[in-house]
Amino acid sequence: MSPLFRRNGGAAKKVTAGEGGRPLTGDRLVTLVGKPGCHLCDDARAVIEKVCGETGVAWEEKDITRDEALHREYWEQIPVVLVDGEQHTFWRVDEARLRRELQG
């Protein structure tokens, strides 16, 4: 399994509660595939944090510089957002579109 990270550089853990301590919605999972120092990744992270916090969906972040397979697959597209393991978008994250996907 590929290494995970958060802004602090430590190991990431799935979010266990949404905004206001609400329980997470089912087994949904948003994955941000990116790399440190990527400004588009920073923008994507902000949108994902907001939407996942509001919808109660867990999210994680994977670093392509620590995972050769992810690097080969996504290096030209980062940041890439996966929803439940399927590619949702890349480069720019549309907040409304992500919210619709997670609430649908």
C-alpha atoms as a PDB file:
ATOM      1  CA  MET A   1       0.000   0.000   0.000  1.00  0.00           C
ATOM      2  CA  SER A   2       1.309   3.449  -0.823  1.00  0.00           C
ATOM      3  CA  PRO A   3       2.429   5.887   1.883  1.00  0.00           C
ATOM      4  CA  LEU A   4      -0.065   8.527   2.960  1.00  0.00           C
ATOM      5  CA  PHE A   5       0.629  12.034   4.157  1.00  0.00           C
ATOM      6  CA  ARG A   6      -1.061  15.167   5.422  1.00  0.00           C
ATOM      7  CA  ARG A   7       0.147  18.730   5.539  1.00  0.00           C
ATOM      8  CA  ASN A   8       2.270  18.021   8.589  1.00  0.00           C
ATOM      9  CA  GLY A   9       4.129  15.279   6.703  1.00  0.00           C
ATOM     10  CA  GLY A  10       3.023  12.545   9.099  1.00  0.00           C
ATOM     11  CA  ALA A  11       1.015   9.476   8.266  1.00  0.00           C
ATOM     12  CA  ALA A  12      -2.540  10.289   7.303  1.00  0.00           C
ATOM     13  CA  LYS A  13      -5.504   8.560   8.800  1.00  0.00           C
ATOM     14  CA  LYS A  14      -9.017   8.407   7.474  1.00  0.00           C
ATOM     15  CA  VAL A  15     -11.221  11.093   8.923  1.00  0.00           C
ATOM     16  CA  THR A  16     -13.384   9.521  11.622  1.00  0.00           C
ATOM     17  CA  ALA A  17     -16.022  12.231  11.926  1.00  0.00           C
ATOM     18  CA  GLY A  18     -17.357  14.960   9.727  1.00  0.00           C
ATOM     19  CA  GLU A  19     -17.968  18.589  10.582  1.00  0.00           C
ATOM     20  CA  GLY A  20     -19.536  18.987  14.003  1.00  0.00           C
ATOM     21  CA  GLY A  21     -18.610  15.424  14.940  1.00  0.00           C
ATOM     22  CA  ARG A  22     -21.210  13.881  12.628  1.00  0.00           C
ATOM     23  CA  PRO A  23     -20.517  10.245  11.736  1.00  0.00           C
ATOM     24  CA  LEU A  24     -19.015   9.502   8.362  1.00  0.00           C
ATOM     25  CA  THR A  25     -21.251   8.612   5.444  1.00  0.00           C
ATOM     26  CA  GLY A  26     -21.025   4.884   4.704  1.00  0.00           C
ATOM     27  CA  ASP A  27     -17.782   3.615   3.283  1.00  0.00           C
ATOM     28  CA  ARG A  28     -17.212   6.475   0.818  1.00  0.00           C
ATOM     29  CA  LEU A  29     -13.613   7.579   0.415  1.00  0.00           C
ATOM     30  CA  VAL A  30     -12.056  10.495  -1.453  1.00  0.00           C
ATOM     31  CA  THR A  31      -8.367  10.138  -2.339  1.00  0.00           C
ATOM     32  CA  LEU A  32      -6.178  13.075  -3.325  1.00  0.00           C
ATOM     33  CA  VAL A  33      -3.175  11.946  -5.360  1.00  0.00           C
ATOM     34  CA  GLY A  34      -0.509  14.634  -5.415  1.00  0.00           C
ATOM     35  CA  LYS A  35       2.936  15.608  -4.254  1.00  0.00           C
ATOM     36  CA  PRO A  36       4.475  18.028  -1.759  1.00  0.00           C
ATOM     37  CA  GLY A  37       5.055  21.572  -3.008  1.00  0.00           C
ATOM     38  CA  CYS A  38       2.307  21.390  -5.660  1.00  0.00           C
ATOM     39  CA  HIS A  39       0.155  24.541  -5.523  1.00  0.00           C
ATOM     40  CA  LEU A  40      -2.707  22.875  -7.410  1.00  0.00           C
ATOM     41  CA  CYS A  41      -2.576  20.049  -4.853  1.00  0.00           C
ATOM     42  CA  ASP A  42      -2.876  22.644  -2.076  1.00  0.00           C
ATOM     43  CA  ASP A  43      -5.946  24.118  -3.797  1.00  0.00           C
ATOM     44  CA  ALA A  44      -7.475  20.662  -4.285  1.00  0.00           C
ATOM     45  CA  ARG A  45      -6.808  19.750  -0.635  1.00  0.00           C
ATOM     46  CA  ALA A  46      -8.670  22.851   0.565  1.00  0.00           C
ATOM     47  CA  VAL A  47     -11.746  21.953  -1.518  1.00  0.00           C
ATOM     48  CA  ILE A  48     -11.644  18.295  -0.448  1.00  0.00           C
ATOM     49  CA  GLU A  49     -11.251  19.204   3.249  1.00  0.00           C
ATOM     50  CA  LYS A  50     -14.241  21.531   3.025  1.00  0.00           C
ATOM     51  CA  VAL A  51     -16.563  19.226   1.074  1.00  0.00           C
ATOM     52  CA  CYS A  52     -15.636  16.071   2.992  1.00  0.00           C
ATOM     53  CA  GLY A  53     -15.997  17.912   6.287  1.00  0.00           C
ATOM     54  CA  GLU A  54     -19.465  19.104   5.315  1.00  0.00           C
ATOM     55  CA  THR A  55     -20.629  15.765   3.900  1.00  0.00           C
ATOM     56  CA  GLY A  56     -18.968  13.516   6.472  1.00  0.00           C
ATOM     57  CA  VAL A  57     -17.028  11.540   3.858  1.00  0.00           C
ATOM     58  CA  ALA A  58     -13.564  10.200   4.709  1.00  0.00           C
ATOM     59  CA  TRP A  59     -10.564  11.302   2.667  1.00  0.00           C
ATOM     60  CA  GLU A  60      -6.898  10.476   2.355  1.00  0.00           C
ATOM     61  CA  GLU A  61      -3.894  11.805   0.489  1.00  0.00           C
ATOM     62  CA  LYS A  62      -1.318   9.791  -1.438  1.00  0.00           C
ATOM     63  CA  ASP A  63       2.098  11.115  -2.468  1.00  0.00           C
ATOM     64  CA  ILE A  64       3.259  10.152  -5.982  1.00  0.00           C
ATOM     65  CA  THR A  65       6.883  10.760  -4.992  1.00  0.00           C
ATOM     66  CA  ARG A  66       6.629   7.803  -2.603  1.00  0.00           C
ATOM     67  CA  ASP A  67       4.728   5.406  -4.850  1.00  0.00           C
ATOM     68  CA  GLU A  68       6.198   4.417  -8.216  1.00  0.00           C
ATOM     69  CA  ALA A  69       2.938   2.992  -9.593  1.00  0.00           C
ATOM     70  CA  LEU A  70       0.990   6.156  -8.745  1.00  0.00           C
ATOM     71  CA  HIS A  71       3.790   8.268 -10.222  1.00  0.00           C
ATOM     72  CA  ARG A  72       3.692   6.350 -13.519  1.00  0.00           C
ATOM     73  CA  GLU A  73      -0.086   6.571 -13.732  1.00  0.00           C
ATOM     74  CA  TYR A  74      -0.733  10.159 -12.636  1.00  0.00           C
ATOM     75  CA  TRP A  75       2.451  12.298 -12.879  1.00  0.00           C
ATOM     76  CA  GLU A  76       1.049  14.432 -15.729  1.00  0.00           C
ATOM     77  CA  GLN A  77      -2.366  14.898 -14.128  1.00  0.00           C
ATOM     78  CA  ILE A  78      -1.758  15.780 -10.474  1.00  0.00           C
ATOM     79  CA  PRO A  79      -3.620  16.570  -8.469  1.00  0.00           C
ATOM     80  CA  VAL A  80      -5.941  13.673  -9.187  1.00  0.00           C
ATOM     81  CA  VAL A  81      -9.077  13.065  -7.138  1.00  0.00           C
ATOM     82  CA  LEU A  82     -10.485   9.561  -6.793  1.00  0.00           C
ATOM     83  CA  VAL A  83     -13.902   8.856  -5.325  1.00  0.00           C
ATOM     84  CA  ASP A  84     -14.247   5.298  -4.076  1.00  0.00           C
ATOM     85  CA  GLY A  85     -11.177   4.350  -6.131  1.00  0.00           C
ATOM     86  CA  GLU A  86     -12.488   5.758  -9.431  1.00  0.00           C
ATOM     87  CA  GLN A  87     -10.998   8.881 -11.024  1.00  0.00           C
ATOM     88  CA  HIS A  88     -13.308  11.828 -10.436  1.00  0.00           C
ATOM     89  CA  THR A  89     -11.188  14.694 -11.750  1.00  0.00           C
ATOM     90  CA  PHE A  90      -7.669  16.074 -12.150  1.00  0.00           C
ATOM     91  CA  TRP A  91      -5.870  19.446 -12.035  1.00  0.00           C
ATOM     92  CA  ARG A  92      -8.749  21.524 -10.654  1.00  0.00           C
ATOM     93  CA  VAL A  93     -11.433  20.330  -8.232  1.00  0.00           C
ATOM     94  CA  ASP A  94     -14.902  21.758  -8.755  1.00  0.00           C
ATOM     95  CA  GLU A  95     -16.455  22.057  -5.298  1.00  0.00           C
ATOM     96  CA  ALA A  96     -20.070  21.757  -6.487  1.00  0.00           C
ATOM     97  CA  ARG A  97     -19.329  18.740  -8.687  1.00  0.00           C
ATOM     98  CA  LEU A  98     -17.506  16.914  -5.876  1.00  0.00           C
ATOM     99  CA  ARG A  99     -20.359  17.664  -3.475  1.00  0.00           C
ATOM    100  CA  ARG A 100     -22.938  16.302  -5.965  1.00  0.00           C
ATOM    101  CA  GLU A 101     -20.870  13.140  -6.429  1.00  0.00           C
ATOM    102  CA  LEU A 102     -20.633  12.532  -2.691  1.00  0.00           C
ATOM    103  CA  GLN A 103     -24.286  13.270  -1.972  1.00  0.00           C
ATOM    104  CA  GLY A 104     -25.622  11.267  -4.929  1.00  0.00           C
END
